[in-house]
């Protein structure tokens, strides 16, 4: 299958066939990592790692992915280290960065900043999170994790819990999993942090069943996948509201004992207190495996865009 995409900007650009192709390529990349096979080389390729907002997993896994393919990385770690701090426009900054590299991976706090970059450059651009918009590569590694853990992407009930208003990873995951058959959702959140209308409208349009609740007990009964998110303090304008809501949903072994035994537990990380550390030892706690899966998935995306 030929990969048809010039950039990776949002999850709605993908078809089911695209997702299956990315997952198959990611599995090939795992073989390179785990069996220490030679990388799939494209000699002389350089990735510009442009992170104008803090990141650990996304940035490090992209840079690890590039180096595991035996390619090179140049880095901007924050806006203060670039000419954006001198009021250079996003467009001018993008053109310069594209001159020095073969692909741009960009995180920026301003919504649509990555799309604006893609509009003015001639190299591929990957959205590593842009403001209040999507996080497509996180959603792709989440889907790959579900496939590895459950063996299929069809016939699943996915429960998402926590900050669903600001949790962009949850929005992106719903858009991708909506491509598969007999998938349904439960959204667990306090009223103030409910899943946005843009997500429920998508589900309504696709006739995908979902329920909303503020009860852990009511929301987890049918879950095959439990996707936990933190309350994002940095997204609250009223810190007192954060303090009031931050302990709304805390996952413990006691809570899990009431659930289906084969539910897998996912989290995009970082966590604060929403998953108790005692959960880590459970065999169905997949969140660290999920984080590792970012390497082969991002290797696959780099390869497919650059080959």
Protein backbone atom coordinates (compact mmCIF):
# COMPACT_ATOMS: atom_id res chain seq x y z
CA UNK A 1 0.00 0.00 0.00
CA UNK A 2 1.24 3.48 -0.90
CA UNK A 3 1.10 6.04 1.92
CA UNK A 4 -0.80 8.97 0.44
CA UNK A 5 -0.22 11.65 3.07
CA UNK A 6 2.19 14.55 2.73
CA UNK A 7 1.84 15.63 6.37
CA UNK A 8 0.48 14.26 9.67
CA UNK A 9 -1.74 17.07 10.96
CA UNK A 10 -4.92 15.56 12.47
CA UNK A 11 -6.59 12.21 12.97
CA UNK A 12 -9.49 12.84 10.61
CA UNK A 13 -7.13 12.64 7.63
CA UNK A 14 -6.78 8.86 8.06
CA UNK A 15 -8.82 5.93 6.76
CA UNK A 16 -9.03 2.51 8.37
CA UNK A 17 -6.62 1.25 5.71
CA UNK A 18 -4.13 3.98 6.64
CA UNK A 19 -4.25 2.95 10.29
CA UNK A 20 -3.72 -0.71 9.45
CA UNK A 21 -0.77 0.21 7.22
CA UNK A 22 0.82 2.36 9.94
CA UNK A 23 0.36 -0.44 12.50
CA UNK A 24 1.93 -3.01 10.17
CA UNK A 25 4.89 -0.71 9.54
CA UNK A 26 5.24 -0.08 13.29
CA UNK A 27 5.43 -3.85 13.84
CA UNK A 28 8.28 -3.98 11.29
CA UNK A 29 9.99 -1.20 13.22
CA UNK A 30 9.65 -3.18 16.44
CA UNK A 31 11.63 -5.95 14.77
CA UNK A 32 14.40 -3.45 14.06
CA UNK A 33 14.45 -2.36 17.70
CA UNK A 34 13.99 -5.69 19.47
CA UNK A 35 16.11 -7.84 17.19
CA UNK A 36 18.75 -5.16 16.58
CA UNK A 37 18.34 -5.33 12.82
CA UNK A 38 19.88 -2.61 10.67
CA UNK A 39 17.68 0.46 10.34
CA UNK A 40 15.76 1.27 7.18
CA UNK A 41 18.14 3.95 6.06
CA UNK A 42 17.51 7.04 3.98
CA UNK A 43 21.00 8.44 4.02
CA UNK A 44 21.45 12.07 5.01
CA UNK A 45 17.91 12.74 6.27
CA UNK A 46 17.54 15.31 9.07
CA UNK A 47 14.54 15.85 11.36
CA UNK A 48 13.95 19.26 12.94
CA UNK A 49 12.52 18.67 16.41
CA UNK A 50 10.64 21.91 17.12
CA UNK A 51 9.14 21.85 20.60
CA UNK A 52 7.91 25.28 21.64
CA UNK A 53 5.97 23.76 24.56
CA UNK A 54 7.24 21.29 27.20
CA UNK A 55 7.33 17.60 26.30
CA UNK A 56 9.03 14.45 27.52
CA UNK A 57 7.49 11.39 25.84
CA UNK A 58 6.60 12.91 22.47
CA UNK A 59 9.86 14.72 21.95
CA UNK A 60 12.12 11.96 23.28
CA UNK A 61 10.35 9.19 21.37
CA UNK A 62 10.49 11.15 18.09
CA UNK A 63 14.20 11.81 18.56
CA UNK A 64 14.80 8.19 19.58
CA UNK A 65 12.81 7.02 16.55
CA UNK A 66 14.89 9.14 14.20
CA UNK A 67 18.18 7.92 15.64
CA UNK A 68 17.06 4.28 15.57
CA UNK A 69 16.57 4.78 11.84
CA UNK A 70 20.18 6.04 11.73
CA UNK A 71 19.07 9.53 10.74
CA UNK A 72 19.95 12.87 12.33
CA UNK A 73 18.11 15.32 14.57
CA UNK A 74 18.39 19.06 15.12
CA UNK A 75 16.44 20.53 18.02
CA UNK A 76 14.66 23.61 19.31
CA UNK A 77 13.55 22.93 22.87
CA UNK A 78 11.50 26.08 23.61
CA UNK A 79 10.40 29.33 21.98
CA UNK A 80 13.01 31.32 23.91
CA UNK A 81 15.68 29.41 22.02
CA UNK A 82 14.35 30.44 18.61
CA UNK A 83 13.62 33.63 16.72
CA UNK A 84 9.96 33.34 17.70
CA UNK A 85 11.09 35.10 20.88
CA UNK A 86 12.07 38.02 18.61
CA UNK A 87 8.51 38.16 17.20
CA UNK A 88 9.36 36.29 14.01
CA UNK A 89 6.20 34.92 12.42
CA UNK A 90 5.41 31.23 12.54
CA UNK A 91 5.50 31.18 8.75
CA UNK A 92 8.97 32.75 8.41
CA UNK A 93 10.31 30.53 11.17
CA UNK A 94 8.91 27.46 9.42
CA UNK A 95 10.48 28.35 6.07
CA UNK A 96 13.91 28.69 7.69
CA UNK A 97 13.61 25.44 9.64
CA UNK A 98 12.54 23.61 6.48
CA UNK A 99 15.67 24.84 4.70
CA UNK A 100 17.81 23.10 7.30
CA UNK A 101 15.96 19.77 7.47
CA UNK A 102 13.95 17.14 5.59
CA UNK A 103 10.99 16.86 7.97
CA UNK A 104 9.56 19.03 10.76
CA UNK A 105 8.06 17.66 13.98
CA UNK A 106 6.40 20.57 15.75
CA UNK A 107 4.68 21.27 19.08
CA UNK A 108 3.39 24.77 19.71
CA UNK A 109 0.85 26.23 22.18
CA UNK A 110 -1.04 28.17 19.49
CA UNK A 111 -3.94 26.39 17.79
CA UNK A 112 -3.43 25.79 14.04
CA UNK A 113 0.24 26.79 14.25
CA UNK A 114 1.32 23.46 12.77
CA UNK A 115 -1.19 23.80 9.92
CA UNK A 116 0.18 27.27 9.18
CA UNK A 117 3.64 25.76 9.06
CA UNK A 118 2.56 23.03 6.64
CA UNK A 119 1.01 25.64 4.34
CA UNK A 120 4.35 27.36 3.65
CA UNK A 121 6.95 24.57 3.52
CA UNK A 122 7.84 21.90 1.00
CA UNK A 123 8.92 19.21 3.49
CA UNK A 124 6.62 16.92 5.51
CA UNK A 125 5.28 18.28 8.81
CA UNK A 126 4.12 16.20 11.79
CA UNK A 127 1.82 17.73 14.39
CA UNK A 128 3.19 16.90 17.85
CA UNK A 129 0.34 18.88 19.50
CA UNK A 130 -0.90 22.36 18.63
CA UNK A 131 -2.68 24.27 21.34
CA UNK A 132 -6.27 23.18 21.86
CA UNK A 133 -6.32 21.04 18.73
CA UNK A 134 -5.31 17.42 18.22
CA UNK A 135 -2.40 15.14 19.08
CA UNK A 136 -2.52 12.70 16.15
CA UNK A 137 0.66 10.73 16.80
CA UNK A 138 -0.41 10.06 20.40
CA UNK A 139 -3.70 8.71 19.08
CA UNK A 140 -1.86 6.50 16.59
CA UNK A 141 0.34 4.98 19.28
CA UNK A 142 -2.76 4.55 21.47
CA UNK A 143 -4.49 2.61 18.68
CA UNK A 144 -1.36 0.51 18.14
CA UNK A 145 -1.30 -0.24 21.88
CA UNK A 146 -4.95 -1.33 21.83
CA UNK A 147 -4.26 -3.60 18.85
CA UNK A 148 -1.28 -5.22 20.59
CA UNK A 149 -3.06 -5.62 23.92
CA UNK A 150 -6.49 -6.74 22.68
CA UNK A 151 -5.61 -8.37 19.33
CA UNK A 152 -8.21 -6.39 17.36
CA UNK A 153 -9.55 -2.87 16.89
CA UNK A 154 -13.12 -4.02 16.29
CA UNK A 155 -15.82 -4.98 18.80
CA UNK A 156 -14.46 -2.91 21.69
CA UNK A 157 -16.00 -0.75 24.39
CA UNK A 158 -13.67 2.09 25.36
CA UNK A 159 -14.15 4.05 28.57
CA UNK A 160 -12.39 7.41 28.89
CA UNK A 161 -12.16 9.10 32.26
CA UNK A 162 -10.94 12.38 33.73
CA UNK A 163 -10.43 15.72 32.04
CA UNK A 164 -12.26 15.11 28.78
CA UNK A 165 -12.80 18.79 28.01
CA UNK A 166 -9.13 19.74 27.75
CA UNK A 167 -7.75 16.22 27.20
CA UNK A 168 -6.86 16.46 23.54
CA UNK A 169 -5.51 12.92 23.43
CA UNK A 170 -9.00 11.62 24.19
CA UNK A 171 -10.57 13.57 21.33
CA UNK A 172 -7.98 12.29 18.86
CA UNK A 173 -8.42 8.69 20.03
CA UNK A 174 -12.19 8.82 19.58
CA UNK A 175 -11.83 10.12 16.03
CA UNK A 176 -9.49 7.25 15.11
CA UNK A 177 -11.34 4.43 16.87
CA UNK A 178 -14.53 5.61 15.22
CA UNK A 179 -13.16 4.09 12.00
CA UNK A 180 -13.57 0.54 13.32
CA UNK A 181 -16.55 -1.79 13.58
CA UNK A 182 -18.83 -2.21 16.59
CA UNK A 183 -16.91 0.26 18.74
CA UNK A 184 -18.68 2.12 21.55
CA UNK A 185 -17.66 4.60 24.23
CA UNK A 186 -18.34 5.69 27.78
CA UNK A 187 -17.18 9.13 28.93
CA UNK A 188 -16.65 9.62 32.68
CA UNK A 189 -16.10 13.22 33.74
CA UNK A 190 -17.48 15.89 36.06
CA UNK A 191 -19.99 18.21 34.44
CA UNK A 192 -17.37 20.96 34.10
CA UNK A 193 -15.01 18.70 32.11
CA UNK A 194 -17.38 16.78 29.84
CA UNK A 195 -16.31 15.60 26.40
CA UNK A 196 -16.73 18.51 23.92
CA UNK A 197 -19.60 18.82 21.51
CA UNK A 198 -17.29 18.41 18.50
CA UNK A 199 -16.61 14.83 19.65
CA UNK A 200 -20.20 13.86 20.44
CA UNK A 201 -21.37 15.39 17.14
CA UNK A 202 -18.83 13.18 15.34
CA UNK A 203 -20.18 10.10 17.13
CA UNK A 204 -23.78 11.08 16.41
CA UNK A 205 -22.96 11.60 12.73
CA UNK A 206 -21.35 8.14 12.54
CA UNK A 207 -24.13 6.49 14.61
CA UNK A 208 -21.54 5.29 17.13
CA UNK A 209 -23.09 4.58 20.56
CA UNK A 210 -21.82 6.39 23.64
CA UNK A 211 -22.88 7.25 27.16
CA UNK A 212 -21.82 10.01 29.55
CA UNK A 213 -21.64 9.74 33.34
CA UNK A 214 -19.88 11.20 36.36
CA UNK A 215 -19.75 7.80 38.11
CA UNK A 216 -16.75 5.47 37.96
CA UNK A 217 -18.93 2.53 39.00
CA UNK A 218 -21.54 3.11 36.30
CA UNK A 219 -18.97 3.87 33.63
CA UNK A 220 -16.63 0.90 33.82
CA UNK A 221 -18.89 -2.14 33.72
CA UNK A 222 -18.52 -2.93 30.01
CA UNK A 223 -15.02 -1.52 29.41
CA UNK A 224 -12.50 -3.45 27.33
CA UNK A 225 -10.16 -0.45 27.43
CA UNK A 226 -9.96 2.10 30.24
CA UNK A 227 -8.22 5.31 29.16
CA UNK A 228 -7.41 7.49 32.18
CA UNK A 229 -6.33 11.13 31.92
CA UNK A 230 -5.10 13.64 34.49
CA UNK A 231 -6.74 16.89 35.47
CA UNK A 232 -4.60 19.36 33.53
CA UNK A 233 -3.80 22.14 35.97
CA UNK A 234 -2.20 24.25 33.24
CA UNK A 235 -5.50 24.39 31.30
CA UNK A 236 -7.55 25.86 34.17
CA UNK A 237 -7.96 29.63 34.39
CA UNK A 238 -9.45 29.26 37.88
CA UNK A 239 -7.07 27.26 40.10
CA UNK A 240 -9.75 26.85 42.76
CA UNK A 241 -11.80 24.89 40.21
CA UNK A 242 -8.79 22.63 39.59
CA UNK A 243 -8.35 22.04 43.33
CA UNK A 244 -12.02 21.13 43.62
CA UNK A 245 -11.95 18.63 40.75
CA UNK A 246 -8.44 17.13 40.86
CA UNK A 247 -9.40 14.16 43.09
CA UNK A 248 -12.65 13.34 41.30
CA UNK A 249 -11.49 10.01 39.88
CA UNK A 250 -8.64 8.00 41.40
CA UNK A 251 -7.95 4.50 40.10
CA UNK A 252 -6.92 1.94 42.73
CA UNK A 253 -6.71 -1.85 42.88
CA UNK A 254 -9.90 -1.84 44.93
CA UNK A 255 -11.77 0.02 42.21
CA UNK A 256 -10.36 -2.32 39.57
CA UNK A 257 -11.48 -5.40 41.48
CA UNK A 258 -15.07 -4.56 40.50
CA UNK A 259 -14.31 -4.60 36.77
CA UNK A 260 -13.82 -7.05 33.97
CA UNK A 261 -10.52 -8.81 34.61
CA UNK A 262 -9.21 -8.34 31.08
CA UNK A 263 -9.74 -4.56 30.85
CA UNK A 264 -6.52 -2.83 29.81
CA UNK A 265 -5.55 0.37 31.57
CA UNK A 266 -4.06 3.15 29.47
CA UNK A 267 -2.87 6.67 30.26
CA UNK A 268 -1.09 9.17 27.97
CA UNK A 269 1.07 10.32 30.92
CA UNK A 270 2.25 12.21 32.86
CA UNK A 271 0.06 11.20 35.78
CA UNK A 272 -0.46 13.09 39.00
CA UNK A 273 -2.62 11.11 41.43
CA UNK A 274 -5.34 9.68 39.18
CA UNK A 275 -3.69 6.21 38.97
CA UNK A 276 -2.39 4.79 42.24
CA UNK A 277 1.15 3.42 42.05
CA UNK A 278 -0.05 0.03 43.28
CA UNK A 279 -1.84 -0.38 39.93
CA UNK A 280 1.51 -0.43 38.08
CA UNK A 281 2.22 -4.06 38.99
CA UNK A 282 -1.02 -5.38 37.49
CA UNK A 283 -0.56 -7.27 34.20
CA UNK A 284 -3.31 -5.24 32.53
CA UNK A 285 -1.65 -1.90 33.38
CA UNK A 286 -0.48 -0.99 29.87
CA UNK A 287 0.50 2.67 30.24
CA UNK A 288 4.27 2.19 30.28
CA UNK A 289 4.05 -0.26 27.36
CA UNK A 290 1.89 2.38 25.69
CA UNK A 291 4.62 5.02 26.13
CA UNK A 292 7.24 2.67 24.64
CA UNK A 293 5.00 2.04 21.64
CA UNK A 294 5.55 5.67 20.68
CA UNK A 295 8.98 4.72 19.35
CA UNK A 296 8.00 2.15 16.66
CA UNK A 297 4.89 4.13 15.69
CA UNK A 298 6.86 7.33 15.21
CA UNK A 299 9.60 5.41 13.40
CA UNK A 300 6.87 4.16 11.06
CA UNK A 301 5.50 7.66 10.43
CA UNK A 302 8.96 9.11 9.74
CA UNK A 303 9.75 6.28 7.38
CA UNK A 304 6.44 6.46 5.51
CA UNK A 305 6.77 10.22 5.00
CA UNK A 306 10.42 10.18 3.95
CA UNK A 307 10.95 6.99 1.96
